[in-house]
Amino acid sequence: MLGYPYPAPGSFRRTYQEDTVLTGQTHAVAPTTAQGLAHAAQTDAPTSDTLLERILASLDDDKAEEVVQISLRGKSSIADYMVIASGRSSRQVASISDNLAERLKEEFRLPCKIEGKDTGDWVLIDAGDVIVHVFRPEVREFYQLEKMWMPTGGPAEQ
């Protein structure tokens, strides 16, 4: 069967120009040694503190209200920090989350996972070492995430 891309059992496979170009030119671009991986991690990924600073600056730029940061170190392995902020409306909550994700992508080449942007009541932005929650004030009051994650005996860092 000429032109059929998959060979019949027992027959030879016809090669195409794409096969030779791809197989002849491709190579791994990721480091393969432990030293190379460590170097790539140091140069490409921002530290959690650097990421936190940029996130707080972005929230400030977009006029997010009641911004609270909570350290999760020693409490959870999901992230080093959690940031909780409020927007005045569903539109502002969605805008804050869009702008934050875009800034992190541009500056750190960090693709963030975003959940809840369509409704705009509560948007979760997973930026790796920092988890960001942006709420409308009524929704934030209802769920009270700060109370769940705040260190005992003191207020969260503002």
N, C-alpha and C. Protein backbone atom coordinates (compact mmCIF):
# COMPACT_ATOMS: atom_id res chain seq x y z
N MET A 1 0.84 -1.18 0.00
CA MET A 1 0.00 0.00 0.00
C MET A 1 0.89 1.24 0.00
N LEU A 2 1.00 1.87 -1.10
CA LEU A 2 1.80 3.08 -1.19
C LEU A 2 1.06 4.25 -0.57
N GLY A 3 1.82 5.09 0.13
CA GLY A 3 1.25 6.28 0.72
C GLY A 3 0.65 6.06 2.09
N TYR A 4 0.40 4.83 2.49
CA TYR A 4 -0.13 4.57 3.81
C TYR A 4 1.02 4.72 4.80
N PRO A 5 0.89 5.54 5.83
CA PRO A 5 2.03 5.85 6.69
C PRO A 5 2.49 4.71 7.59
N TYR A 6 1.66 3.71 7.81
CA TYR A 6 2.06 2.61 8.68
C TYR A 6 2.31 1.37 7.84
N PRO A 7 3.46 0.73 8.03
CA PRO A 7 3.76 -0.45 7.21
C PRO A 7 2.92 -1.65 7.62
N ALA A 8 2.67 -2.48 6.65
CA ALA A 8 1.98 -3.73 6.93
C ALA A 8 2.96 -4.65 7.65
N PRO A 9 2.48 -5.54 8.48
CA PRO A 9 3.38 -6.45 9.18
C PRO A 9 4.26 -7.21 8.20
N GLY A 10 5.56 -7.24 8.48
CA GLY A 10 6.51 -7.96 7.65
C GLY A 10 7.04 -7.18 6.47
N SER A 11 6.55 -5.98 6.23
CA SER A 11 7.04 -5.20 5.10
C SER A 11 7.96 -4.09 5.59
N PHE A 12 8.67 -3.47 4.67
CA PHE A 12 9.54 -2.38 5.07
C PHE A 12 8.75 -1.09 5.17
N ARG A 13 9.26 -0.16 5.96
CA ARG A 13 8.61 1.12 6.12
C ARG A 13 9.24 2.12 5.16
N ARG A 14 8.42 2.80 4.44
CA ARG A 14 8.89 3.81 3.52
C ARG A 14 9.27 5.06 4.32
N THR A 15 10.43 5.63 4.07
CA THR A 15 10.86 6.82 4.79
C THR A 15 10.47 8.06 4.03
N TYR A 16 10.17 9.07 4.75
CA TYR A 16 9.79 10.35 4.19
C TYR A 16 10.85 11.38 4.56
N GLN A 17 10.89 12.49 3.88
CA GLN A 17 11.87 13.53 4.16
C GLN A 17 11.72 14.04 5.60
N GLU A 18 10.49 14.12 6.11
CA GLU A 18 10.28 14.59 7.47
C GLU A 18 10.97 13.68 8.48
N ASP A 19 10.97 12.38 8.20
CA ASP A 19 11.61 11.44 9.11
C ASP A 19 13.10 11.71 9.24
N THR A 20 13.75 11.90 8.13
CA THR A 20 15.20 12.10 8.18
C THR A 20 15.55 13.47 8.74
N VAL A 21 14.75 14.48 8.45
CA VAL A 21 15.03 15.81 8.98
C VAL A 21 14.87 15.80 10.49
N LEU A 22 13.78 15.27 10.98
CA LEU A 22 13.54 15.27 12.41
C LEU A 22 14.54 14.39 13.15
N THR A 23 14.76 13.20 12.68
CA THR A 23 15.66 12.32 13.40
C THR A 23 17.11 12.74 13.26
N GLY A 24 17.45 13.36 12.16
CA GLY A 24 18.84 13.77 11.98
C GLY A 24 19.18 15.07 12.68
N GLN A 25 18.19 15.89 13.00
CA GLN A 25 18.47 17.21 13.55
C GLN A 25 18.07 17.39 15.01
N THR A 26 17.31 16.50 15.54
CA THR A 26 16.85 16.72 16.91
C THR A 26 17.92 16.31 17.90
N HIS A 27 17.96 17.02 18.98
CA HIS A 27 18.86 16.70 20.08
C HIS A 27 18.26 17.25 21.36
N ALA A 28 18.65 16.69 22.46
CA ALA A 28 18.12 17.13 23.74
C ALA A 28 18.71 18.47 24.10
N VAL A 29 17.88 19.40 24.51
CA VAL A 29 18.36 20.71 24.93
C VAL A 29 18.43 20.81 26.45
N ALA A 30 17.81 19.89 27.13
CA ALA A 30 17.84 19.91 28.59
C ALA A 30 19.14 19.28 29.07
N PRO A 31 19.70 19.78 30.17
CA PRO A 31 20.91 19.18 30.70
C PRO A 31 20.64 17.77 31.20
N THR A 32 21.61 16.89 31.02
CA THR A 32 21.41 15.50 31.40
C THR A 32 22.23 15.10 32.61
N THR A 33 23.21 15.87 32.99
CA THR A 33 24.01 15.52 34.16
C THR A 33 23.44 16.19 35.39
N ALA A 34 23.77 15.67 36.56
CA ALA A 34 23.30 16.25 37.81
C ALA A 34 23.82 17.67 37.97
N GLN A 35 25.06 17.90 37.57
CA GLN A 35 25.64 19.24 37.68
C GLN A 35 24.91 20.19 36.73
N GLY A 36 24.61 19.74 35.53
CA GLY A 36 23.89 20.56 34.57
C GLY A 36 22.49 20.89 35.05
N LEU A 37 21.82 19.92 35.67
CA LEU A 37 20.49 20.17 36.21
C LEU A 37 20.53 21.18 37.34
N ALA A 38 21.51 21.07 38.21
CA ALA A 38 21.65 22.01 39.32
C ALA A 38 21.90 23.42 38.79
N HIS A 39 22.76 23.54 37.78
CA HIS A 39 23.05 24.85 37.21
C HIS A 39 21.81 25.44 36.54
N ALA A 40 21.06 24.62 35.84
CA ALA A 40 19.84 25.10 35.18
C ALA A 40 18.82 25.57 36.21
N ALA A 41 18.72 24.85 37.32
CA ALA A 41 17.78 25.24 38.36
C ALA A 41 18.18 26.57 38.98
N GLN A 42 19.48 26.81 39.13
CA GLN A 42 19.95 28.05 39.73
C GLN A 42 19.73 29.24 38.80
N THR A 43 19.94 29.06 37.53
CA THR A 43 19.88 30.18 36.60
C THR A 43 18.48 30.46 36.10
N ASP A 44 17.62 29.48 35.99
CA ASP A 44 16.31 29.68 35.38
C ASP A 44 15.22 30.00 36.39
N ALA A 45 15.18 29.29 37.49
CA ALA A 45 14.07 29.41 38.42
C ALA A 45 14.34 30.51 39.45
N PRO A 46 13.37 31.39 39.65
CA PRO A 46 13.54 32.40 40.70
C PRO A 46 13.37 31.76 42.07
N THR A 47 13.98 32.33 43.08
CA THR A 47 13.79 31.82 44.43
C THR A 47 12.37 32.16 44.87
N SER A 48 11.90 31.48 45.88
CA SER A 48 10.54 31.75 46.35
C SER A 48 10.43 33.17 46.91
N ASP A 49 11.51 33.68 47.51
CA ASP A 49 11.48 35.05 48.03
C ASP A 49 11.42 36.07 46.90
N THR A 50 12.17 35.85 45.82
CA THR A 50 12.12 36.74 44.66
C THR A 50 10.74 36.71 44.02
N LEU A 51 10.20 35.52 43.90
CA LEU A 51 8.86 35.35 43.34
C LEU A 51 7.82 36.06 44.20
N LEU A 52 7.93 35.91 45.51
CA LEU A 52 7.01 36.57 46.42
C LEU A 52 7.07 38.08 46.28
N GLU A 53 8.27 38.63 46.21
CA GLU A 53 8.43 40.09 46.06
C GLU A 53 7.74 40.58 44.78
N ARG A 54 7.93 39.85 43.69
CA ARG A 54 7.33 40.27 42.42
C ARG A 54 5.81 40.16 42.46
N ILE A 55 5.31 39.12 43.10
CA ILE A 55 3.86 38.94 43.22
C ILE A 55 3.26 40.07 44.05
N LEU A 56 3.89 40.42 45.16
CA LEU A 56 3.39 41.50 46.00
C LEU A 56 3.42 42.83 45.26
N ALA A 57 4.46 43.06 44.47
CA ALA A 57 4.55 44.29 43.68
C ALA A 57 3.44 44.34 42.63
N SER A 58 3.16 43.20 41.99
CA SER A 58 2.11 43.14 40.98
C SER A 58 0.75 43.41 41.60
N LEU A 59 0.49 42.83 42.76
CA LEU A 59 -0.78 43.05 43.44
C LEU A 59 -0.94 44.52 43.83
N ASP A 60 0.17 45.13 44.26
CA ASP A 60 0.14 46.54 44.60
C ASP A 60 -0.12 47.41 43.37
N ASP A 61 0.51 47.05 42.25
CA ASP A 61 0.31 47.79 41.01
C ASP A 61 -1.15 47.76 40.55
N ASP A 62 -1.82 46.65 40.80
CA ASP A 62 -3.21 46.49 40.36
C ASP A 62 -4.22 46.87 41.44
N LYS A 63 -3.75 47.50 42.51
CA LYS A 63 -4.62 48.02 43.57
C LYS A 63 -5.40 46.93 44.30
N ALA A 64 -4.77 45.78 44.50
CA ALA A 64 -5.39 44.73 45.30
C ALA A 64 -5.46 45.22 46.75
N GLU A 65 -6.49 44.81 47.45
CA GLU A 65 -6.72 45.28 48.81
C GLU A 65 -6.47 44.16 49.81
N GLU A 66 -6.14 44.56 51.03
CA GLU A 66 -5.96 43.64 52.16
C GLU A 66 -5.05 42.46 51.79
N VAL A 67 -3.87 42.76 51.28
CA VAL A 67 -2.93 41.73 50.86
C VAL A 67 -2.25 41.15 52.11
N VAL A 68 -2.31 39.83 52.24
CA VAL A 68 -1.70 39.13 53.36
C VAL A 68 -0.80 38.04 52.81
N GLN A 69 0.40 37.94 53.36
CA GLN A 69 1.29 36.83 52.98
C GLN A 69 1.46 35.93 54.18
N ILE A 70 1.45 34.64 53.94
CA ILE A 70 1.58 33.64 55.00
C ILE A 70 2.69 32.68 54.60
N SER A 71 3.63 32.48 55.49
CA SER A 71 4.71 31.54 55.23
C SER A 71 4.20 30.12 55.47
N LEU A 72 4.42 29.25 54.50
CA LEU A 72 3.99 27.86 54.63
C LEU A 72 5.17 26.93 54.90
N ARG A 73 6.34 27.49 55.03
CA ARG A 73 7.53 26.66 55.28
C ARG A 73 7.36 25.93 56.60
N GLY A 74 7.55 24.64 56.54
CA GLY A 74 7.38 23.80 57.73
C GLY A 74 5.95 23.39 57.99
N LYS A 75 5.00 23.97 57.28
CA LYS A 75 3.58 23.63 57.46
C LYS A 75 3.07 22.75 56.34
N SER A 76 3.57 23.01 55.12
CA SER A 76 3.07 22.32 53.95
C SER A 76 4.17 22.20 52.90
N SER A 77 4.11 21.15 52.12
CA SER A 77 5.10 20.97 51.06
C SER A 77 4.59 21.50 49.72
N ILE A 78 3.37 22.03 49.68
CA ILE A 78 2.82 22.50 48.41
C ILE A 78 3.45 23.79 47.94
N ALA A 79 3.89 24.64 48.87
CA ALA A 79 4.49 25.92 48.51
C ALA A 79 5.22 26.50 49.71
N ASP A 80 6.01 27.54 49.46
CA ASP A 80 6.71 28.23 50.54
C ASP A 80 5.88 29.38 51.11
N TYR A 81 5.06 29.99 50.25
CA TYR A 81 4.23 31.11 50.68
C TYR A 81 2.84 31.01 50.11
N MET A 82 1.90 31.60 50.84
CA MET A 82 0.54 31.79 50.34
C MET A 82 0.26 33.29 50.45
N VAL A 83 -0.31 33.85 49.40
CA VAL A 83 -0.70 35.25 49.40
C VAL A 83 -2.20 35.31 49.18
N ILE A 84 -2.86 36.11 50.00
CA ILE A 84 -4.31 36.27 49.90
C ILE A 84 -4.58 37.76 49.71
N ALA A 85 -5.41 38.08 48.72
CA ALA A 85 -5.72 39.47 48.42
C ALA A 85 -7.18 39.58 48.01
N SER A 86 -7.68 40.81 48.01
CA SER A 86 -9.05 41.06 47.60
C SER A 86 -9.09 42.06 46.46
N GLY A 87 -10.10 41.89 45.62
CA GLY A 87 -10.42 42.87 44.58
C GLY A 87 -11.82 43.38 44.85
N ARG A 88 -12.13 44.58 44.41
CA ARG A 88 -13.42 45.19 44.71
C ARG A 88 -14.58 44.57 43.94
N SER A 89 -14.30 43.96 42.80
CA SER A 89 -15.36 43.40 41.97
C SER A 89 -14.85 42.15 41.25
N SER A 90 -15.76 41.42 40.64
CA SER A 90 -15.37 40.23 39.88
C SER A 90 -14.44 40.60 38.74
N ARG A 91 -14.71 41.73 38.11
CA ARG A 91 -13.87 42.18 37.01
C ARG A 91 -12.45 42.50 37.49
N GLN A 92 -12.32 43.17 38.64
CA GLN A 92 -10.98 43.48 39.15
C GLN A 92 -10.26 42.22 39.58
N VAL A 93 -10.95 41.27 40.19
CA VAL A 93 -10.33 40.01 40.60
C VAL A 93 -9.76 39.29 39.38
N ALA A 94 -10.53 39.22 38.30
CA ALA A 94 -10.06 38.57 37.07
C ALA A 94 -8.88 39.34 36.47
N SER A 95 -8.95 40.66 36.49
CA SER A 95 -7.88 41.48 35.94
C SER A 95 -6.58 41.33 36.74
N ILE A 96 -6.69 41.32 38.05
CA ILE A 96 -5.51 41.14 38.91
C ILE A 96 -4.84 39.82 38.61
N SER A 97 -5.64 38.77 38.49
CA SER A 97 -5.07 37.44 38.23
C SER A 97 -4.45 37.34 36.85
N ASP A 98 -5.10 37.91 35.84
CA ASP A 98 -4.54 37.92 34.48
C ASP A 98 -3.22 38.66 34.43
N ASN A 99 -3.19 39.86 35.02
CA ASN A 99 -1.98 40.67 35.00
C ASN A 99 -0.83 39.98 35.74
N LEU A 100 -1.13 39.36 36.87
CA LEU A 100 -0.10 38.67 37.63
C LEU A 100 0.48 37.51 36.83
N ALA A 101 -0.37 36.70 36.25
CA ALA A 101 0.10 35.56 35.46
C ALA A 101 0.94 36.02 34.27
N GLU A 102 0.51 37.08 33.62
CA GLU A 102 1.25 37.61 32.46
C GLU A 102 2.62 38.16 32.88
N ARG A 103 2.67 38.87 33.98
CA ARG A 103 3.95 39.41 34.45
C ARG A 103 4.93 38.31 34.83
N LEU A 104 4.45 37.27 35.50
CA LEU A 104 5.32 36.17 35.89
C LEU A 104 5.81 35.40 34.67
N LYS A 105 4.96 35.30 33.67
CA LYS A 105 5.36 34.62 32.44
C LYS A 105 6.42 35.43 31.69
N GLU A 106 6.25 36.75 31.63
CA GLU A 106 7.21 37.61 30.93
C GLU A 106 8.56 37.68 31.66
N GLU A 107 8.52 37.87 32.97
CA GLU A 107 9.76 38.10 33.72
C GLU A 107 10.52 36.83 34.06
N PHE A 108 9.80 35.77 34.40
CA PHE A 108 10.46 34.55 34.87
C PHE A 108 10.24 33.35 33.96
N ARG A 109 9.49 33.55 32.88
CA ARG A 109 9.10 32.43 32.01
C ARG A 109 8.43 31.33 32.82
N LEU A 110 7.56 31.78 33.71
CA LEU A 110 6.88 30.88 34.63
C LEU A 110 5.41 30.77 34.24
N PRO A 111 5.02 29.64 33.67
CA PRO A 111 3.60 29.47 33.34
C PRO A 111 2.81 29.15 34.60
N CYS A 112 1.86 29.99 34.92
CA CYS A 112 1.05 29.80 36.13
C CYS A 112 -0.24 29.07 35.77
N LYS A 113 -0.70 28.27 36.70
CA LYS A 113 -1.99 27.62 36.54
C LYS A 113 -3.02 28.49 37.24
N ILE A 114 -4.12 28.78 36.55
CA ILE A 114 -5.16 29.66 37.09
C ILE A 114 -6.48 28.91 37.13
N GLU A 115 -7.16 28.99 38.27
CA GLU A 115 -8.47 28.38 38.43
C GLU A 115 -9.45 29.43 38.92
N GLY A 116 -10.68 29.41 38.41
CA GLY A 116 -11.75 30.25 38.91
C GLY A 116 -11.87 31.62 38.27
N LYS A 117 -11.09 31.89 37.25
CA LYS A 117 -11.10 33.22 36.63
C LYS A 117 -12.44 33.52 35.94
N ASP A 118 -13.11 32.51 35.47
CA ASP A 118 -14.37 32.72 34.73
C ASP A 118 -15.45 33.36 35.60
N THR A 119 -15.55 32.93 36.85
CA THR A 119 -16.57 33.50 37.73
C THR A 119 -16.08 34.77 38.41
N GLY A 120 -14.80 34.85 38.72
CA GLY A 120 -14.23 36.06 39.30
C GLY A 120 -14.52 36.25 40.78
N ASP A 121 -15.06 35.24 41.45
CA ASP A 121 -15.30 35.33 42.89
C ASP A 121 -14.05 34.98 43.68
N TRP A 122 -13.38 33.91 43.25
CA TRP A 122 -12.18 33.43 43.94
C TRP A 122 -11.27 32.86 42.86
N VAL A 123 -10.14 33.47 42.67
CA VAL A 123 -9.19 33.00 41.67
C VAL A 123 -7.96 32.47 42.38
N LEU A 124 -7.55 31.27 42.01
CA LEU A 124 -6.35 30.65 42.55
C LEU A 124 -5.28 30.68 41.48
N ILE A 125 -4.12 31.21 41.81
CA ILE A 125 -2.99 31.25 40.89
C ILE A 125 -1.86 30.44 41.51
N ASP A 126 -1.50 29.35 40.85
CA ASP A 126 -0.41 28.50 41.31
C ASP A 126 0.86 28.91 40.59
N ALA A 127 1.74 29.59 41.31
CA ALA A 127 3.00 30.06 40.74
C ALA A 127 4.17 29.21 41.25
N GLY A 128 3.90 27.97 41.58
CA GLY A 128 4.96 27.08 42.04
C GLY A 128 5.19 27.23 43.54
N ASP A 129 6.21 27.99 43.92
CA ASP A 129 6.55 28.16 45.34
C ASP A 129 5.65 29.15 46.06
N VAL A 130 4.81 29.85 45.32
CA VAL A 130 3.87 30.81 45.91
C VAL A 130 2.48 30.54 45.35
N ILE A 131 1.52 30.37 46.24
CA ILE A 131 0.13 30.18 45.87
C ILE A 131 -0.59 31.50 46.16
N VAL A 132 -1.33 32.01 45.19
CA VAL A 132 -2.02 33.29 45.35
C VAL A 132 -3.53 33.07 45.24
N HIS A 133 -4.25 33.62 46.20
CA HIS A 133 -5.71 33.61 46.19
C HIS A 133 -6.17 35.05 46.06
N VAL A 134 -7.03 35.32 45.09
CA VAL A 134 -7.61 36.65 44.94
C VAL A 134 -9.12 36.47 45.04
N PHE A 135 -9.71 37.18 46.00
CA PHE A 135 -11.13 37.04 46.31
C PHE A 135 -11.89 38.34 46.10
N ARG A 136 -13.19 38.21 45.91
CA ARG A 136 -14.09 39.33 46.17
C ARG A 136 -14.23 39.38 47.68
N PRO A 137 -14.44 40.55 48.29
CA PRO A 137 -14.47 40.65 49.76
C PRO A 137 -15.48 39.73 50.44
N GLU A 138 -16.67 39.58 49.87
CA GLU A 138 -17.69 38.73 50.50
C GLU A 138 -17.27 37.27 50.51
N VAL A 139 -16.66 36.83 49.44
CA VAL A 139 -16.22 35.43 49.34
C VAL A 139 -15.05 35.18 50.28
N ARG A 140 -14.15 36.14 50.36
CA ARG A 140 -13.00 36.01 51.27
C ARG A 140 -13.48 35.90 52.72
N GLU A 141 -14.45 36.71 53.08
CA GLU A 141 -15.00 36.67 54.45
C GLU A 141 -15.66 35.33 54.73
N PHE A 142 -16.33 34.76 53.74
CA PHE A 142 -17.01 33.48 53.92
C PHE A 142 -16.02 32.34 54.17
N TYR A 143 -14.95 32.26 53.37
CA TYR A 143 -14.02 31.14 53.47
C TYR A 143 -12.94 31.32 54.54
N GLN A 144 -12.55 32.53 54.84
CA GLN A 144 -11.60 32.83 55.91
C GLN A 144 -10.35 31.95 55.87
N LEU A 145 -9.67 31.95 54.73
CA LEU A 145 -8.46 31.14 54.60
C LEU A 145 -7.35 31.57 55.55
N GLU A 146 -7.30 32.85 55.87
CA GLU A 146 -6.26 33.33 56.78
C GLU A 146 -6.30 32.60 58.11
N LYS A 147 -7.50 32.38 58.62
CA LYS A 147 -7.63 31.71 59.92
C LYS A 147 -7.10 30.27 59.87
N MET A 148 -7.26 29.63 58.73
CA MET A 148 -6.80 28.24 58.60
C MET A 148 -5.28 28.15 58.55
N TRP A 149 -4.62 29.11 57.90
CA TRP A 149 -3.19 29.02 57.66
C TRP A 149 -2.33 29.95 58.51
N MET A 150 -2.95 30.88 59.23
CA MET A 150 -2.16 31.82 60.03
C MET A 150 -1.43 31.11 61.13
N PRO A 151 -0.20 31.59 61.41
CA PRO A 151 0.52 30.99 62.54
C PRO A 151 -0.24 31.25 63.83
N THR A 152 -0.20 30.28 64.73
CA THR A 152 -0.88 30.45 66.01
C THR A 152 -0.11 31.46 66.86
N GLY A 153 -0.85 32.31 67.55
CA GLY A 153 -0.22 33.27 68.43
C GLY A 153 0.14 34.59 67.78
N GLY A 154 -0.18 34.80 66.52
CA GLY A 154 0.17 36.07 65.90
C GLY A 154 -0.52 36.27 64.58
N PRO A 155 -0.59 37.50 64.14
CA PRO A 155 -1.22 37.79 62.85
C PRO A 155 -0.30 37.42 61.69
N ALA A 156 -0.89 37.30 60.55
CA ALA A 156 -0.10 37.02 59.34
C ALA A 156 0.70 38.27 58.96
N GLU A 157 1.74 38.08 58.17
CA GLU A 157 2.56 39.21 57.72
C GLU A 157 1.77 40.03 56.72
N GLN A 158 1.86 41.33 56.84
CA GLN A 158 1.13 42.20 55.92
C GLN A 158 2.09 42.94 55.03
